[in-house]
Amino acid sequence: MSQSIPLQGMHYEIHYAPLFATSPELSFPCDAEGHVSIDLLSNRARNNYFYARTVIGREYAPPAVLPCEMH
């Protein structure tokens, strides 16, 4: 499996927008193609990521890969 290398200074996050106001927005670091390094996530973030993926179309809109600034 190849891993893409981000362009200098470019970082990305995969963003899950809720379909309802009762759910939080969720974002996770990823590469430019939307691949998330599962092993780098905390247990809570990993559970949230898997949950968001599971309920696409029912609780979350399809995800978008967005450029972001690293802090």
PDB file of N, CA and C in Angstrom:
ATOM      1  N   MET A   1       0.847  -1.168   0.000  1.00  0.00           N
ATOM      2  CA  MET A   1       0.000   0.000   0.000  1.00  0.00           C
ATOM      3  C   MET A   1       0.896   1.236   0.000  1.00  0.00           C
ATOM      4  N   SER A   2       0.692   2.115  -0.937  1.00  0.00           N
ATOM      5  CA  SER A   2       1.502   3.329  -1.008  1.00  0.00           C
ATOM      6  C   SER A   2       0.858   4.420  -0.166  1.00  0.00           C
ATOM      7  N   GLN A   3       1.688   5.276   0.360  1.00  0.00           N
ATOM      8  CA  GLN A   3       1.205   6.387   1.173  1.00  0.00           C
ATOM      9  C   GLN A   3       1.572   7.669   0.448  1.00  0.00           C
ATOM     10  N   SER A   4       0.580   8.526   0.225  1.00  0.00           N
ATOM     11  CA  SER A   4       0.880   9.765  -0.474  1.00  0.00           C
ATOM     12  C   SER A   4       1.576  10.731   0.477  1.00  0.00           C
ATOM     13  N   ILE A   5       2.456  11.535  -0.062  1.00  0.00           N
ATOM     14  CA  ILE A   5       3.198  12.516   0.711  1.00  0.00           C
ATOM     15  C   ILE A   5       2.577  13.876   0.447  1.00  0.00           C
ATOM     16  N   PRO A   6       2.157  14.593   1.507  1.00  0.00           N
ATOM     17  CA  PRO A   6       1.520  15.884   1.289  1.00  0.00           C
ATOM     18  C   PRO A   6       2.491  16.892   0.690  1.00  0.00           C
ATOM     19  N   LEU A   7       1.943  17.808  -0.091  1.00  0.00           N
ATOM     20  CA  LEU A   7       2.743  18.900  -0.621  1.00  0.00           C
ATOM     21  C   LEU A   7       3.240  19.738   0.543  1.00  0.00           C
ATOM     22  N   GLN A   8       4.349  20.413   0.355  1.00  0.00           N
ATOM     23  CA  GLN A   8       4.928  21.232   1.421  1.00  0.00           C
ATOM     24  C   GLN A   8       3.872  22.164   2.001  1.00  0.00           C
ATOM     25  N   GLY A   9       3.620  22.044   3.291  1.00  0.00           N
ATOM     26  CA  GLY A   9       2.672  22.926   3.961  1.00  0.00           C
ATOM     27  C   GLY A   9       1.206  22.573   3.776  1.00  0.00           C
ATOM     28  N   MET A  10       0.888  21.575   2.967  1.00  0.00           N
ATOM     29  CA  MET A  10      -0.511  21.211   2.733  1.00  0.00           C
ATOM     30  C   MET A  10      -0.888  20.020   3.599  1.00  0.00           C
ATOM     31  N   HIS A  11      -1.953  20.171   4.356  1.00  0.00           N
ATOM     32  CA  HIS A  11      -2.482  19.100   5.187  1.00  0.00           C
ATOM     33  C   HIS A  11      -3.976  19.018   4.909  1.00  0.00           C
ATOM     34  N   TYR A  12      -4.547  17.869   5.181  1.00  0.00           N
ATOM     35  CA  TYR A  12      -5.950  17.640   4.854  1.00  0.00           C
ATOM     36  C   TYR A  12      -6.685  17.011   6.021  1.00  0.00           C
ATOM     37  N   GLU A  13      -8.006  17.163   5.982  1.00  0.00           N
ATOM     38  CA  GLU A  13      -8.862  16.475   6.925  1.00  0.00           C
ATOM     39  C   GLU A  13     -10.092  15.983   6.180  1.00  0.00           C
ATOM     40  N   ILE A  14     -10.596  14.857   6.633  1.00  0.00           N
ATOM     41  CA  ILE A  14     -11.843  14.357   6.073  1.00  0.00           C
ATOM     42  C   ILE A  14     -12.937  14.826   7.026  1.00  0.00           C
ATOM     43  N   HIS A  15     -13.934  15.477   6.477  1.00  0.00           N
ATOM     44  CA  HIS A  15     -14.957  16.149   7.275  1.00  0.00           C
ATOM     45  C   HIS A  15     -16.315  15.495   7.032  1.00  0.00           C
ATOM     46  N   TYR A  16     -16.963  15.131   8.127  1.00  0.00           N
ATOM     47  CA  TYR A  16     -18.307  14.563   8.077  1.00  0.00           C
ATOM     48  C   TYR A  16     -19.280  15.597   8.633  1.00  0.00           C
ATOM     49  N   ALA A  17     -20.149  16.114   7.782  1.00  0.00           N
ATOM     50  CA  ALA A  17     -21.148  17.100   8.193  1.00  0.00           C
ATOM     51  C   ALA A  17     -22.415  16.358   8.609  1.00  0.00           C
ATOM     52  N   PRO A  18     -22.980  16.711   9.766  1.00  0.00           N
ATOM     53  CA  PRO A  18     -24.195  16.024  10.232  1.00  0.00           C
ATOM     54  C   PRO A  18     -25.409  16.411   9.399  1.00  0.00           C
ATOM     55  N   LEU A  19     -26.323  15.494   9.273  1.00  0.00           N
ATOM     56  CA  LEU A  19     -27.577  15.774   8.577  1.00  0.00           C
ATOM     57  C   LEU A  19     -28.594  16.420   9.524  1.00  0.00           C
ATOM     58  N   PHE A  20     -28.364  16.263  10.825  1.00  0.00           N
ATOM     59  CA  PHE A  20     -29.274  16.797  11.835  1.00  0.00           C
ATOM     60  C   PHE A  20     -28.480  17.605  12.856  1.00  0.00           C
ATOM     61  N   ALA A  21     -29.112  18.605  13.431  1.00  0.00           N
ATOM     62  CA  ALA A  21     -28.435  19.492  14.380  1.00  0.00           C
ATOM     63  C   ALA A  21     -28.016  18.781  15.667  1.00  0.00           C
ATOM     64  N   THR A  22     -28.557  17.613  15.929  1.00  0.00           N
ATOM     65  CA  THR A  22     -28.239  16.904  17.167  1.00  0.00           C
ATOM     66  C   THR A  22     -26.905  16.160  17.104  1.00  0.00           C
ATOM     67  N   SER A  23     -26.335  16.020  15.931  1.00  0.00           N
ATOM     68  CA  SER A  23     -25.048  15.318  15.783  1.00  0.00           C
ATOM     69  C   SER A  23     -23.919  16.329  15.604  1.00  0.00           C
ATOM     70  N   PRO A  24     -22.740  16.036  16.150  1.00  0.00           N
ATOM     71  CA  PRO A  24     -21.613  16.959  15.983  1.00  0.00           C
ATOM     72  C   PRO A  24     -20.954  16.801  14.613  1.00  0.00           C
ATOM     73  N   GLU A  25     -20.288  17.852  14.168  1.00  0.00           N
ATOM     74  CA  GLU A  25     -19.434  17.733  12.986  1.00  0.00           C
ATOM     75  C   GLU A  25     -18.219  16.924  13.405  1.00  0.00           C
ATOM     76  N   LEU A  26     -17.725  16.087  12.509  1.00  0.00           N
ATOM     77  CA  LEU A  26     -16.550  15.276  12.809  1.00  0.00           C
ATOM     78  C   LEU A  26     -15.503  15.465  11.725  1.00  0.00           C
ATOM     79  N   SER A  27     -14.250  15.623  12.123  1.00  0.00           N
ATOM     80  CA  SER A  27     -13.139  15.770  11.181  1.00  0.00           C
ATOM     81  C   SER A  27     -11.963  14.950  11.676  1.00  0.00           C
ATOM     82  N   PHE A  28     -11.225  14.374  10.715  1.00  0.00           N
ATOM     83  CA  PHE A  28     -10.083  13.525  11.042  1.00  0.00           C
ATOM     84  C   PHE A  28      -8.951  13.829  10.073  1.00  0.00           C
ATOM     85  N   PRO A  29      -7.703  13.824  10.540  1.00  0.00           N
ATOM     86  CA  PRO A  29      -6.579  14.067   9.632  1.00  0.00           C
ATOM     87  C   PRO A  29      -6.508  12.956   8.585  1.00  0.00           C
ATOM     88  N   CYS A  30      -6.154  13.349   7.365  1.00  0.00           N
ATOM     89  CA  CYS A  30      -6.053  12.382   6.275  1.00  0.00           C
ATOM     90  C   CYS A  30      -5.062  12.886   5.238  1.00  0.00           C
ATOM     91  N   ASP A  31      -4.852  12.088   4.201  1.00  0.00           N
ATOM     92  CA  ASP A  31      -4.021  12.546   3.094  1.00  0.00           C
ATOM     93  C   ASP A  31      -4.922  13.205   2.045  1.00  0.00           C
ATOM     94  N   ALA A  32      -4.342  13.634   0.946  1.00  0.00           N
ATOM     95  CA  ALA A  32      -5.093  14.356  -0.089  1.00  0.00           C
ATOM     96  C   ALA A  32      -6.188  13.510  -0.726  1.00  0.00           C
ATOM     97  N   GLU A  33      -6.088  12.191  -0.597  1.00  0.00           N
ATOM     98  CA  GLU A  33      -7.093  11.297  -1.178  1.00  0.00           C
ATOM     99  C   GLU A  33      -8.137  10.849  -0.160  1.00  0.00           C
ATOM    100  N   GLY A  34      -8.018  11.324   1.078  1.00  0.00           N
ATOM    101  CA  GLY A  34      -8.997  10.987   2.097  1.00  0.00           C
ATOM    102  C   GLY A  34      -8.686   9.749   2.906  1.00  0.00           C
ATOM    103  N   HIS A  35      -7.471   9.229   2.790  1.00  0.00           N
ATOM    104  CA  HIS A  35      -7.086   8.055   3.568  1.00  0.00           C
ATOM    105  C   HIS A  35      -6.683   8.472   4.981  1.00  0.00           C
ATOM    106  N   VAL A  36      -7.303   7.850   5.963  1.00  0.00           N
ATOM    107  CA  VAL A  36      -7.041   8.147   7.370  1.00  0.00           C
ATOM    108  C   VAL A  36      -6.102   7.084   7.926  1.00  0.00           C
ATOM    109  N   SER A  37      -5.091   7.508   8.684  1.00  0.00           N
ATOM    110  CA  SER A  37      -4.191   6.577   9.369  1.00  0.00           C
ATOM    111  C   SER A  37      -4.860   6.175  10.682  1.00  0.00           C
ATOM    112  N   ILE A  38      -5.582   5.075  10.635  1.00  0.00           N
ATOM    113  CA  ILE A  38      -6.361   4.605  11.778  1.00  0.00           C
ATOM    114  C   ILE A  38      -5.499   4.454  13.028  1.00  0.00           C
ATOM    115  N   ASP A  39      -4.288   3.940  12.861  1.00  0.00           N
ATOM    116  CA  ASP A  39      -3.409   3.685  14.008  1.00  0.00           C
ATOM    117  C   ASP A  39      -2.981   4.956  14.727  1.00  0.00           C
ATOM    118  N   LEU A  40      -3.071   6.107  14.072  1.00  0.00           N
ATOM    119  CA  LEU A  40      -2.668   7.362  14.698  1.00  0.00           C
ATOM    120  C   LEU A  40      -3.798   8.042  15.471  1.00  0.00           C
ATOM    121  N   LEU A  41      -5.017   7.527  15.338  1.00  0.00           N
ATOM    122  CA  LEU A  41      -6.163   8.113  16.029  1.00  0.00           C
ATOM    123  C   LEU A  41      -6.259   7.583  17.450  1.00  0.00           C
ATOM    124  N   SER A  42      -6.780   8.415  18.338  1.00  0.00           N
ATOM    125  CA  SER A  42      -7.072   7.947  19.699  1.00  0.00           C
ATOM    126  C   SER A  42      -8.226   6.947  19.617  1.00  0.00           C
ATOM    127  N   ASN A  43      -8.455   6.223  20.684  1.00  0.00           N
ATOM    128  CA  ASN A  43      -9.569   5.262  20.688  1.00  0.00           C
ATOM    129  C   ASN A  43     -10.896   5.956  20.430  1.00  0.00           C
ATOM    130  N   ARG A  44     -11.109   7.093  21.062  1.00  0.00           N
ATOM    131  CA  ARG A  44     -12.364   7.829  20.879  1.00  0.00           C
ATOM    132  C   ARG A  44     -12.520   8.306  19.436  1.00  0.00           C
ATOM    133  N   ALA A  45     -11.449   8.891  18.879  1.00  0.00           N
ATOM    134  CA  ALA A  45     -11.499   9.370  17.497  1.00  0.00           C
ATOM    135  C   ALA A  45     -11.723   8.208  16.536  1.00  0.00           C
ATOM    136  N   ARG A  46     -11.053   7.078  16.779  1.00  0.00           N
ATOM    137  CA  ARG A  46     -11.223   5.899  15.922  1.00  0.00           C
ATOM    138  C   ARG A  46     -12.675   5.425  15.951  1.00  0.00           C
ATOM    139  N   ASN A  47     -13.271   5.370  17.133  1.00  0.00           N
ATOM    140  CA  ASN A  47     -14.677   4.964  17.241  1.00  0.00           C
ATOM    141  C   ASN A  47     -15.597   5.950  16.526  1.00  0.00           C
ATOM    142  N   ASN A  48     -15.343   7.245  16.686  1.00  0.00           N
ATOM    143  CA  ASN A  48     -16.148   8.257  15.993  1.00  0.00           C
ATOM    144  C   ASN A  48     -16.004   8.144  14.480  1.00  0.00           C
ATOM    145  N   TYR A  49     -14.789   7.892  14.014  1.00  0.00           N
ATOM    146  CA  TYR A  49     -14.535   7.750  12.575  1.00  0.00           C
ATOM    147  C   TYR A  49     -15.313   6.564  12.005  1.00  0.00           C
ATOM    148  N   PHE A  50     -15.207   5.412  12.653  1.00  0.00           N
ATOM    149  CA  PHE A  50     -15.934   4.235  12.178  1.00  0.00           C
ATOM    150  C   PHE A  50     -17.441   4.448  12.240  1.00  0.00           C
ATOM    151  N   TYR A  51     -17.911   5.125  13.279  1.00  0.00           N
ATOM    152  CA  TYR A  51     -19.339   5.403  13.401  1.00  0.00           C
ATOM    153  C   TYR A  51     -19.813   6.302  12.255  1.00  0.00           C
ATOM    154  N   ALA A  52     -19.090   7.388  12.012  1.00  0.00           N
ATOM    155  CA  ALA A  52     -19.481   8.320  10.942  1.00  0.00           C
ATOM    156  C   ALA A  52     -19.526   7.612   9.596  1.00  0.00           C
ATOM    157  N   ARG A  53     -18.537   6.759   9.330  1.00  0.00           N
ATOM    158  CA  ARG A  53     -18.534   6.006   8.063  1.00  0.00           C
ATOM    159  C   ARG A  53     -19.742   5.090   7.949  1.00  0.00           C
ATOM    160  N   THR A  54     -20.154   4.523   9.068  1.00  0.00           N
ATOM    161  CA  THR A  54     -21.261   3.566   9.068  1.00  0.00           C
ATOM    162  C   THR A  54     -22.612   4.227   8.818  1.00  0.00           C
ATOM    163  N   VAL A  55     -22.783   5.458   9.275  1.00  0.00           N
ATOM    164  CA  VAL A  55     -24.095   6.102   9.197  1.00  0.00           C
ATOM    165  C   VAL A  55     -24.179   7.190   8.113  1.00  0.00           C
ATOM    166  N   ILE A  56     -23.312   7.114   7.117  1.00  0.00           N
ATOM    167  CA  ILE A  56     -23.397   8.048   5.985  1.00  0.00           C
ATOM    168  C   ILE A  56     -24.751   7.867   5.313  1.00  0.00           C
ATOM    169  N   GLY A  57     -25.428   8.979   5.089  1.00  0.00           N
ATOM    170  CA  GLY A  57     -26.739   8.950   4.456  1.00  0.00           C
ATOM    171  C   GLY A  57     -27.879   8.853   5.451  1.00  0.00           C
ATOM    172  N   ARG A  58     -27.568   8.448   6.677  1.00  0.00           N
ATOM    173  CA  ARG A  58     -28.599   8.370   7.717  1.00  0.00           C
ATOM    174  C   ARG A  58     -28.396   9.441   8.778  1.00  0.00           C
ATOM    175  N   GLU A  59     -27.132   9.680   9.144  1.00  0.00           N
ATOM    176  CA  GLU A  59     -26.839  10.689  10.161  1.00  0.00           C
ATOM    177  C   GLU A  59     -25.802  11.713   9.681  1.00  0.00           C
ATOM    178  N   TYR A  60     -24.949  11.297   8.732  1.00  0.00           N
ATOM    179  CA  TYR A  60     -23.918  12.183   8.186  1.00  0.00           C
ATOM    180  C   TYR A  60     -23.976  12.201   6.669  1.00  0.00           C
ATOM    181  N   ALA A  61     -23.652  13.368   6.109  1.00  0.00           N
ATOM    182  CA  ALA A  61     -23.535  13.501   4.657  1.00  0.00           C
ATOM    183  C   ALA A  61     -22.250  12.801   4.212  1.00  0.00           C
ATOM    184  N   PRO A  62     -22.138  12.464   2.937  1.00  0.00           N
ATOM    185  CA  PRO A  62     -20.870  11.904   2.454  1.00  0.00           C
ATOM    186  C   PRO A  62     -19.721  12.852   2.812  1.00  0.00           C
ATOM    187  N   PRO A  63     -18.579  12.300   3.169  1.00  0.00           N
ATOM    188  CA  PRO A  63     -17.476  13.143   3.632  1.00  0.00           C
ATOM    189  C   PRO A  63     -16.840  13.959   2.515  1.00  0.00           C
ATOM    190  N   ALA A  64     -16.190  15.035   2.932  1.00  0.00           N
ATOM    191  CA  ALA A  64     -15.433  15.883   2.011  1.00  0.00           C
ATOM    192  C   ALA A  64     -13.997  15.963   2.524  1.00  0.00           C
ATOM    193  N   VAL A  65     -13.039  15.919   1.603  1.00  0.00           N
ATOM    194  CA  VAL A  65     -11.636  16.101   1.956  1.00  0.00           C
ATOM    195  C   VAL A  65     -11.326  17.579   1.791  1.00  0.00           C
ATOM    196  N   LEU A  66     -10.895  18.204   2.881  1.00  0.00           N
ATOM    197  CA  LEU A  66     -10.647  19.648   2.900  1.00  0.00           C
ATOM    198  C   LEU A  66      -9.218  19.954   3.279  1.00  0.00           C
ATOM    199  N   PRO A  67      -8.611  20.961   2.652  1.00  0.00           N
ATOM    200  CA  PRO A  67      -7.278  21.387   3.092  1.00  0.00           C
ATOM    201  C   PRO A  67      -7.419  22.078   4.450  1.00  0.00           C
ATOM    202  N   CYS A  68      -6.424  21.938   5.282  1.00  0.00           N
ATOM    203  CA  CYS A  68      -6.460  22.591   6.588  1.00  0.00           C
ATOM    204  C   CYS A  68      -5.039  22.960   7.004  1.00  0.00           C
ATOM    205  N   GLU A  69      -4.962  23.818   8.008  1.00  0.00           N
ATOM    206  CA  GLU A  69      -3.668  24.211   8.560  1.00  0.00           C
ATOM    207  C   GLU A  69      -3.381  23.326   9.765  1.00  0.00           C
ATOM    208  N   MET A  70      -2.159  22.884   9.881  1.00  0.00           N
ATOM    209  CA  MET A  70      -1.751  22.110  11.049  1.00  0.00           C
ATOM    210  C   MET A  70      -1.394  23.082  12.159  1.00  0.00           C
ATOM    211  N   HIS A  71      -1.741  22.746  13.366  1.00  0.00           N
ATOM    212  CA  HIS A  71      -1.481  23.622  14.524  1.00  0.00           C
ATOM    213  C   HIS A  71      -0.249  23.176  15.227  1.00  0.00           C
TER     214      HIS A  71
END
